[in-house]
Amino acid sequence: MMIAEKRERIEQVREAVLDLPAEFREAVVLCELEELSYEEAANVCGCPIGTIRSRLHRGRALLLAKLELLRDAPRRASAGAK
């Protein structure tokens, strides 16, 4: 994979995370990116551990669906092509 492709993929993941509803985004960021435990994330969010687990499950599913759509979509035209 070329550097430009890696950068594009990173940007797609970033945008997909930002597109998540706030409660799911928060759980994904805390548990996946910041590597907090469920208990730590629950304390940060002020909610039960079960709520974090549920939000994380749904957030991951939404994120995966979004990334699959992006993967299957035709590639955008390069910036120089008009």
PDB file of N, CA and C in Angstrom:
ATOM      1  N   MET A   1       0.858  -1.175   0.000  1.00  0.00           N
ATOM      2  CA  MET A   1       0.000   0.000   0.000  1.00  0.00           C
ATOM      3  C   MET A   1       0.903   1.237   0.000  1.00  0.00           C
ATOM      4  N   MET A   2       0.593   2.158  -0.849  1.00  0.00           N
ATOM      5  CA  MET A   2       1.390   3.374  -0.975  1.00  0.00           C
ATOM      6  C   MET A   2       1.047   4.341   0.164  1.00  0.00           C
ATOM      7  N   ILE A   3       1.953   5.271   0.401  1.00  0.00           N
ATOM      8  CA  ILE A   3       1.763   6.235   1.487  1.00  0.00           C
ATOM      9  C   ILE A   3       0.475   7.029   1.299  1.00  0.00           C
ATOM     10  N   ALA A   4       0.199   7.457   0.076  1.00  0.00           N
ATOM     11  CA  ALA A   4      -1.024   8.225  -0.185  1.00  0.00           C
ATOM     12  C   ALA A   4      -2.265   7.398   0.132  1.00  0.00           C
ATOM     13  N   GLU A   5      -2.240   6.102  -0.193  1.00  0.00           N
ATOM     14  CA  GLU A   5      -3.381   5.233   0.106  1.00  0.00           C
ATOM     15  C   GLU A   5      -3.554   5.059   1.615  1.00  0.00           C
ATOM     16  N   LYS A   6      -2.439   4.926   2.330  1.00  0.00           N
ATOM     17  CA  LYS A   6      -2.515   4.801   3.791  1.00  0.00           C
ATOM     18  C   LYS A   6      -3.110   6.061   4.402  1.00  0.00           C
ATOM     19  N   ARG A   7      -2.660   7.206   3.921  1.00  0.00           N
ATOM     20  CA  ARG A   7      -3.200   8.473   4.439  1.00  0.00           C
ATOM     21  C   ARG A   7      -4.693   8.583   4.165  1.00  0.00           C
ATOM     22  N   GLU A   8      -5.099   8.172   2.971  1.00  0.00           N
ATOM     23  CA  GLU A   8      -6.522   8.228   2.623  1.00  0.00           C
ATOM     24  C   GLU A   8      -7.321   7.294   3.529  1.00  0.00           C
ATOM     25  N   ARG A   9      -6.803   6.101   3.770  1.00  0.00           N
ATOM     26  CA  ARG A   9      -7.508   5.150   4.630  1.00  0.00           C
ATOM     27  C   ARG A   9      -7.599   5.679   6.060  1.00  0.00           C
ATOM     28  N   ILE A  10      -6.529   6.256   6.568  1.00  0.00           N
ATOM     29  CA  ILE A  10      -6.549   6.837   7.913  1.00  0.00           C
ATOM     30  C   ILE A  10      -7.597   7.939   7.992  1.00  0.00           C
ATOM     31  N   GLU A  11      -7.664   8.774   6.972  1.00  0.00           N
ATOM     32  CA  GLU A  11      -8.656   9.855   6.945  1.00  0.00           C
ATOM     33  C   GLU A  11     -10.079   9.292   6.900  1.00  0.00           C
ATOM     34  N   GLN A  12     -10.283   8.208   6.149  1.00  0.00           N
ATOM     35  CA  GLN A  12     -11.605   7.583   6.086  1.00  0.00           C
ATOM     36  C   GLN A  12     -12.018   7.043   7.453  1.00  0.00           C
ATOM     37  N   VAL A  13     -11.085   6.414   8.147  1.00  0.00           N
ATOM     38  CA  VAL A  13     -11.385   5.886   9.483  1.00  0.00           C
ATOM     39  C   VAL A  13     -11.700   7.032  10.436  1.00  0.00           C
ATOM     40  N   ARG A  14     -10.899   8.084  10.381  1.00  0.00           N
ATOM     41  CA  ARG A  14     -11.131   9.253  11.245  1.00  0.00           C
ATOM     42  C   ARG A  14     -12.515   9.837  10.996  1.00  0.00           C
ATOM     43  N   GLU A  15     -12.867  10.013   9.729  1.00  0.00           N
ATOM     44  CA  GLU A  15     -14.186  10.563   9.391  1.00  0.00           C
ATOM     45  C   GLU A  15     -15.304   9.630   9.832  1.00  0.00           C
ATOM     46  N   ALA A  16     -15.105   8.332   9.667  1.00  0.00           N
ATOM     47  CA  ALA A  16     -16.126   7.367  10.076  1.00  0.00           C
ATOM     48  C   ALA A  16     -16.335   7.411  11.590  1.00  0.00           C
ATOM     49  N   VAL A  17     -15.263   7.545  12.347  1.00  0.00           N
ATOM     50  CA  VAL A  17     -15.383   7.655  13.806  1.00  0.00           C
ATOM     51  C   VAL A  17     -16.118   8.937  14.168  1.00  0.00           C
ATOM     52  N   LEU A  18     -15.758  10.035  13.522  1.00  0.00           N
ATOM     53  CA  LEU A  18     -16.414  11.317  13.813  1.00  0.00           C
ATOM     54  C   LEU A  18     -17.893  11.312  13.435  1.00  0.00           C
ATOM     55  N   ASP A  19     -18.276  10.482  12.466  1.00  0.00           N
ATOM     56  CA  ASP A  19     -19.674  10.394  12.041  1.00  0.00           C
ATOM     57  C   ASP A  19     -20.544   9.580  12.999  1.00  0.00           C
ATOM     58  N   LEU A  20     -19.921   8.834  13.904  1.00  0.00           N
ATOM     59  CA  LEU A  20     -20.706   8.044  14.852  1.00  0.00           C
ATOM     60  C   LEU A  20     -21.503   8.964  15.772  1.00  0.00           C
ATOM     61  N   PRO A  21     -22.699   8.531  16.195  1.00  0.00           N
ATOM     62  CA  PRO A  21     -23.417   9.289  17.222  1.00  0.00           C
ATOM     63  C   PRO A  21     -22.517   9.440  18.455  1.00  0.00           C
ATOM     64  N   ALA A  22     -22.649  10.541  19.159  1.00  0.00           N
ATOM     65  CA  ALA A  22     -21.731  10.911  20.238  1.00  0.00           C
ATOM     66  C   ALA A  22     -21.521   9.812  21.275  1.00  0.00           C
ATOM     67  N   GLU A  23     -22.588   9.160  21.730  1.00  0.00           N
ATOM     68  CA  GLU A  23     -22.424   8.161  22.788  1.00  0.00           C
ATOM     69  C   GLU A  23     -21.635   6.946  22.304  1.00  0.00           C
ATOM     70  N   PHE A  24     -21.797   6.579  21.036  1.00  0.00           N
ATOM     71  CA  PHE A  24     -21.040   5.452  20.486  1.00  0.00           C
ATOM     72  C   PHE A  24     -19.594   5.867  20.201  1.00  0.00           C
ATOM     73  N   ARG A  25     -19.431   7.070  19.684  1.00  0.00           N
ATOM     74  CA  ARG A  25     -18.082   7.588  19.402  1.00  0.00           C
ATOM     75  C   ARG A  25     -17.259   7.643  20.687  1.00  0.00           C
ATOM     76  N   GLU A  26     -17.878   8.132  21.763  1.00  0.00           N
ATOM     77  CA  GLU A  26     -17.178   8.241  23.041  1.00  0.00           C
ATOM     78  C   GLU A  26     -16.705   6.869  23.525  1.00  0.00           C
ATOM     79  N   ALA A  27     -17.563   5.870  23.447  1.00  0.00           N
ATOM     80  CA  ALA A  27     -17.195   4.522  23.890  1.00  0.00           C
ATOM     81  C   ALA A  27     -16.077   3.947  23.025  1.00  0.00           C
ATOM     82  N   VAL A  28     -16.170   4.123  21.720  1.00  0.00           N
ATOM     83  CA  VAL A  28     -15.139   3.610  20.808  1.00  0.00           C
ATOM     84  C   VAL A  28     -13.802   4.298  21.068  1.00  0.00           C
ATOM     85  N   VAL A  29     -13.819   5.604  21.194  1.00  0.00           N
ATOM     86  CA  VAL A  29     -12.571   6.344  21.421  1.00  0.00           C
ATOM     87  C   VAL A  29     -11.945   5.938  22.755  1.00  0.00           C
ATOM     88  N   LEU A  30     -12.742   5.887  23.803  1.00  0.00           N
ATOM     89  CA  LEU A  30     -12.196   5.559  25.122  1.00  0.00           C
ATOM     90  C   LEU A  30     -11.645   4.134  25.186  1.00  0.00           C
ATOM     91  N   CYS A  31     -12.394   3.179  24.651  1.00  0.00           N
ATOM     92  CA  CYS A  31     -11.995   1.770  24.780  1.00  0.00           C
ATOM     93  C   CYS A  31     -11.014   1.315  23.707  1.00  0.00           C
ATOM     94  N   GLU A  32     -11.178   1.788  22.492  1.00  0.00           N
ATOM     95  CA  GLU A  32     -10.329   1.320  21.396  1.00  0.00           C
ATOM     96  C   GLU A  32      -9.090   2.186  21.195  1.00  0.00           C
ATOM     97  N   LEU A  33      -9.256   3.484  21.206  1.00  0.00           N
ATOM     98  CA  LEU A  33      -8.124   4.370  20.925  1.00  0.00           C
ATOM     99  C   LEU A  33      -7.317   4.688  22.180  1.00  0.00           C
ATOM    100  N   GLU A  34      -8.014   4.984  23.270  1.00  0.00           N
ATOM    101  CA  GLU A  34      -7.316   5.314  24.514  1.00  0.00           C
ATOM    102  C   GLU A  34      -7.061   4.081  25.378  1.00  0.00           C
ATOM    103  N   GLU A  35      -7.605   2.942  24.961  1.00  0.00           N
ATOM    104  CA  GLU A  35      -7.389   1.641  25.607  1.00  0.00           C
ATOM    105  C   GLU A  35      -7.787   1.616  27.082  1.00  0.00           C
ATOM    106  N   LEU A  36      -8.869   2.315  27.409  1.00  0.00           N
ATOM    107  CA  LEU A  36      -9.400   2.250  28.767  1.00  0.00           C
ATOM    108  C   LEU A  36     -10.172   0.945  28.928  1.00  0.00           C
ATOM    109  N   SER A  37     -10.218   0.448  30.151  1.00  0.00           N
ATOM    110  CA  SER A  37     -11.044  -0.720  30.442  1.00  0.00           C
ATOM    111  C   SER A  37     -12.513  -0.287  30.406  1.00  0.00           C
ATOM    112  N   TYR A  38     -13.411  -1.274  30.392  1.00  0.00           N
ATOM    113  CA  TYR A  38     -14.835  -0.945  30.435  1.00  0.00           C
ATOM    114  C   TYR A  38     -15.153  -0.149  31.700  1.00  0.00           C
ATOM    115  N   GLU A  39     -14.566  -0.577  32.808  1.00  0.00           N
ATOM    116  CA  GLU A  39     -14.818   0.103  34.077  1.00  0.00           C
ATOM    117  C   GLU A  39     -14.322   1.553  34.034  1.00  0.00           C
ATOM    118  N   GLU A  40     -13.125   1.759  33.503  1.00  0.00           N
ATOM    119  CA  GLU A  40     -12.580   3.115  33.405  1.00  0.00           C
ATOM    120  C   GLU A  40     -13.438   3.985  32.489  1.00  0.00           C
ATOM    121  N   ALA A  41     -13.849   3.431  31.357  1.00  0.00           N
ATOM    122  CA  ALA A  41     -14.688   4.183  30.426  1.00  0.00           C
ATOM    123  C   ALA A  41     -16.030   4.519  31.062  1.00  0.00           C
ATOM    124  N   ALA A  42     -16.592   3.577  31.807  1.00  0.00           N
ATOM    125  CA  ALA A  42     -17.865   3.817  32.490  1.00  0.00           C
ATOM    126  C   ALA A  42     -17.724   4.955  33.498  1.00  0.00           C
ATOM    127  N   ASN A  43     -16.609   4.992  34.206  1.00  0.00           N
ATOM    128  CA  ASN A  43     -16.374   6.075  35.165  1.00  0.00           C
ATOM    129  C   ASN A  43     -16.261   7.416  34.459  1.00  0.00           C
ATOM    130  N   VAL A  44     -15.566   7.453  33.335  1.00  0.00           N
ATOM    131  CA  VAL A  44     -15.427   8.697  32.567  1.00  0.00           C
ATOM    132  C   VAL A  44     -16.791   9.177  32.087  1.00  0.00           C
ATOM    133  N   CYS A  45     -17.603   8.241  31.602  1.00  0.00           N
ATOM    134  CA  CYS A  45     -18.911   8.594  31.031  1.00  0.00           C
ATOM    135  C   CYS A  45     -19.997   8.757  32.089  1.00  0.00           C
ATOM    136  N   GLY A  46     -19.749   8.246  33.275  1.00  0.00           N
ATOM    137  CA  GLY A  46     -20.758   8.321  34.322  1.00  0.00           C
ATOM    138  C   GLY A  46     -21.943   7.414  34.062  1.00  0.00           C
ATOM    139  N   CYS A  47     -21.663   6.225  33.529  1.00  0.00           N
ATOM    140  CA  CYS A  47     -22.739   5.276  33.240  1.00  0.00           C
ATOM    141  C   CYS A  47     -22.296   3.871  33.651  1.00  0.00           C
ATOM    142  N   PRO A  48     -23.229   2.921  33.700  1.00  0.00           N
ATOM    143  CA  PRO A  48     -22.876   1.548  34.069  1.00  0.00           C
ATOM    144  C   PRO A  48     -21.968   0.883  33.025  1.00  0.00           C
ATOM    145  N   ILE A  49     -21.215  -0.117  33.472  1.00  0.00           N
ATOM    146  CA  ILE A  49     -20.326  -0.856  32.570  1.00  0.00           C
ATOM    147  C   ILE A  49     -21.126  -1.486  31.433  1.00  0.00           C
ATOM    148  N   GLY A  50     -22.300  -2.010  31.736  1.00  0.00           N
ATOM    149  CA  GLY A  50     -23.133  -2.626  30.701  1.00  0.00           C
ATOM    150  C   GLY A  50     -23.487  -1.648  29.594  1.00  0.00           C
ATOM    151  N   THR A  51     -23.685  -0.405  29.949  1.00  0.00           N
ATOM    152  CA  THR A  51     -23.988   0.628  28.950  1.00  0.00           C
ATOM    153  C   THR A  51     -22.784   0.851  28.045  1.00  0.00           C
ATOM    154  N   ILE A  52     -21.594   0.877  28.627  1.00  0.00           N
ATOM    155  CA  ILE A  52     -20.375   1.036  27.821  1.00  0.00           C
ATOM    156  C   ILE A  52     -20.225  -0.142  26.872  1.00  0.00           C
ATOM    157  N   ARG A  53     -20.432  -1.343  27.376  1.00  0.00           N
ATOM    158  CA  ARG A  53     -20.299  -2.540  26.528  1.00  0.00           C
ATOM    159  C   ARG A  53     -21.291  -2.489  25.372  1.00  0.00           C
ATOM    160  N   SER A  54     -22.514  -2.075  25.659  1.00  0.00           N
ATOM    161  CA  SER A  54     -23.540  -1.965  24.625  1.00  0.00           C
ATOM    162  C   SER A  54     -23.180  -0.895  23.601  1.00  0.00           C
ATOM    163  N   ARG A  55     -22.772   0.273  24.079  1.00  0.00           N
ATOM    164  CA  ARG A  55     -22.402   1.365  23.172  1.00  0.00           C
ATOM    165  C   ARG A  55     -21.188   0.993  22.327  1.00  0.00           C
ATOM    166  N   LEU A  56     -20.245   0.297  22.925  1.00  0.00           N
ATOM    167  CA  LEU A  56     -19.058  -0.118  22.191  1.00  0.00           C
ATOM    168  C   LEU A  56     -19.425  -1.129  21.108  1.00  0.00           C
ATOM    169  N   HIS A  57     -20.286  -2.076  21.452  1.00  0.00           N
ATOM    170  CA  HIS A  57     -20.732  -3.068  20.470  1.00  0.00           C
ATOM    171  C   HIS A  57     -21.434  -2.388  19.294  1.00  0.00           C
ATOM    172  N   ARG A  58     -22.368  -1.508  19.595  1.00  0.00           N
ATOM    173  CA  ARG A  58     -23.107  -0.813  18.531  1.00  0.00           C
ATOM    174  C   ARG A  58     -22.202   0.137  17.758  1.00  0.00           C
ATOM    175  N   GLY A  59     -21.303   0.821  18.454  1.00  0.00           N
ATOM    176  CA  GLY A  59     -20.369   1.726  17.788  1.00  0.00           C
ATOM    177  C   GLY A  59     -19.455   0.998  16.827  1.00  0.00           C
ATOM    178  N   ARG A  60     -18.939  -0.155  17.255  1.00  0.00           N
ATOM    179  CA  ARG A  60     -18.090  -0.966  16.368  1.00  0.00           C
ATOM    180  C   ARG A  60     -18.864  -1.417  15.136  1.00  0.00           C
ATOM    181  N   ALA A  61     -20.107  -1.843  15.342  1.00  0.00           N
ATOM    182  CA  ALA A  61     -20.924  -2.306  14.221  1.00  0.00           C
ATOM    183  C   ALA A  61     -21.187  -1.172  13.230  1.00  0.00           C
ATOM    184  N   LEU A  62     -21.523   0.002  13.732  1.00  0.00           N
ATOM    185  CA  LEU A  62     -21.752   1.154  12.856  1.00  0.00           C
ATOM    186  C   LEU A  62     -20.479   1.555  12.120  1.00  0.00           C
ATOM    187  N   LEU A  63     -19.367   1.522  12.826  1.00  0.00           N
ATOM    188  CA  LEU A  63     -18.081   1.874  12.227  1.00  0.00           C
ATOM    189  C   LEU A  63     -17.710   0.886  11.128  1.00  0.00           C
ATOM    190  N   LEU A  64     -17.881  -0.388  11.389  1.00  0.00           N
ATOM    191  CA  LEU A  64     -17.584  -1.411  10.390  1.00  0.00           C
ATOM    192  C   LEU A  64     -18.463  -1.237   9.155  1.00  0.00           C
ATOM    193  N   ALA A  65     -19.751  -0.989   9.365  1.00  0.00           N
ATOM    194  CA  ALA A  65     -20.664  -0.798   8.233  1.00  0.00           C
ATOM    195  C   ALA A  65     -20.249   0.408   7.397  1.00  0.00           C
ATOM    196  N   LYS A  66     -19.893   1.494   8.057  1.00  0.00           N
ATOM    197  CA  LYS A  66     -19.470   2.706   7.354  1.00  0.00           C
ATOM    198  C   LYS A  66     -18.202   2.448   6.548  1.00  0.00           C
ATOM    199  N   LEU A  67     -17.241   1.769   7.141  1.00  0.00           N
ATOM    200  CA  LEU A  67     -15.980   1.490   6.452  1.00  0.00           C
ATOM    201  C   LEU A  67     -16.174   0.520   5.293  1.00  0.00           C
ATOM    202  N   GLU A  68     -17.094  -0.426   5.433  1.00  0.00           N
ATOM    203  CA  GLU A  68     -17.385  -1.338   4.321  1.00  0.00           C
ATOM    204  C   GLU A  68     -18.006  -0.586   3.155  1.00  0.00           C
ATOM    205  N   LEU A  69     -18.882   0.379   3.452  1.00  0.00           N
ATOM    206  CA  LEU A  69     -19.461   1.202   2.387  1.00  0.00           C
ATOM    207  C   LEU A  69     -18.377   1.995   1.665  1.00  0.00           C
ATOM    208  N   LEU A  70     -17.459   2.550   2.417  1.00  0.00           N
ATOM    209  CA  LEU A  70     -16.371   3.320   1.813  1.00  0.00           C
ATOM    210  C   LEU A  70     -15.469   2.430   0.968  1.00  0.00           C
ATOM    211  N   ARG A  71     -15.209   1.229   1.455  1.00  0.00           N
ATOM    212  CA  ARG A  71     -14.352   0.299   0.722  1.00  0.00           C
ATOM    213  C   ARG A  71     -14.992  -0.107  -0.601  1.00  0.00           C
ATOM    214  N   ASP A  72     -16.304  -0.307  -0.586  1.00  0.00           N
ATOM    215  CA  ASP A  72     -17.008  -0.758  -1.778  1.00  0.00           C
ATOM    216  C   ASP A  72     -17.334   0.371  -2.744  1.00  0.00           C
ATOM    217  N   ALA A  73     -17.288   1.614  -2.272  1.00  0.00           N
ATOM    218  CA  ALA A  73     -17.598   2.765  -3.133  1.00  0.00           C
ATOM    219  C   ALA A  73     -16.478   2.944  -4.150  1.00  0.00           C
ATOM    220  N   PRO A  74     -16.833   3.432  -5.339  1.00  0.00           N
ATOM    221  CA  PRO A  74     -15.782   3.702  -6.326  1.00  0.00           C
ATOM    222  C   PRO A  74     -14.815   4.738  -5.781  1.00  0.00           C
ATOM    223  N   ARG A  75     -13.575   4.586  -6.124  1.00  0.00           N
ATOM    224  CA  ARG A  75     -12.557   5.542  -5.666  1.00  0.00           C
ATOM    225  C   ARG A  75     -12.860   6.921  -6.207  1.00  0.00           C
ATOM    226  N   ARG A  76     -12.592   7.901  -5.360  1.00  0.00           N
ATOM    227  CA  ARG A  76     -12.770   9.287  -5.790  1.00  0.00           C
ATOM    228  C   ARG A  76     -11.753   9.611  -6.871  1.00  0.00           C
ATOM    229  N   ALA A  77     -12.157  10.493  -7.749  1.00  0.00           N
ATOM    230  CA  ALA A  77     -11.220  10.930  -8.784  1.00  0.00           C
ATOM    231  C   ALA A  77     -10.055  11.637  -8.112  1.00  0.00           C
ATOM    232  N   SER A  78      -8.889  11.458  -8.658  1.00  0.00           N
ATOM    233  CA  SER A  78      -7.725  12.116  -8.057  1.00  0.00           C
ATOM    234  C   SER A  78      -7.886  13.621  -8.143  1.00  0.00           C
ATOM    235  N   ALA A  79      -7.232  14.316  -7.254  1.00  0.00           N
ATOM    236  CA  ALA A  79      -7.386  15.775  -7.166  1.00  0.00           C
ATOM    237  C   ALA A  79      -6.980  16.465  -8.450  1.00  0.00           C
ATOM    238  N   GLY A  80      -6.023  15.915  -9.182  1.00  0.00           N
ATOM    239  CA  GLY A  80      -5.559  16.554 -10.408  1.00  0.00           C
ATOM    240  C   GLY A  80      -6.452  16.299 -11.606  1.00  0.00           C
ATOM    241  N   ALA A  81      -7.283  15.278 -11.579  1.00  0.00           N
ATOM    242  CA  ALA A  81      -8.136  14.953 -12.731  1.00  0.00           C
ATOM    243  C   ALA A  81      -9.377  15.823 -12.735  1.00  0.00           C
ATOM    244  N   LYS A  82      -9.692  16.358 -13.886  1.00  0.00           N
ATOM    245  CA  LYS A  82     -10.901  17.189 -13.992  1.00  0.00           C
ATOM    246  C   LYS A  82     -11.643  16.884 -15.251  1.00  0.00           C
TER     247      LYS A  82
END
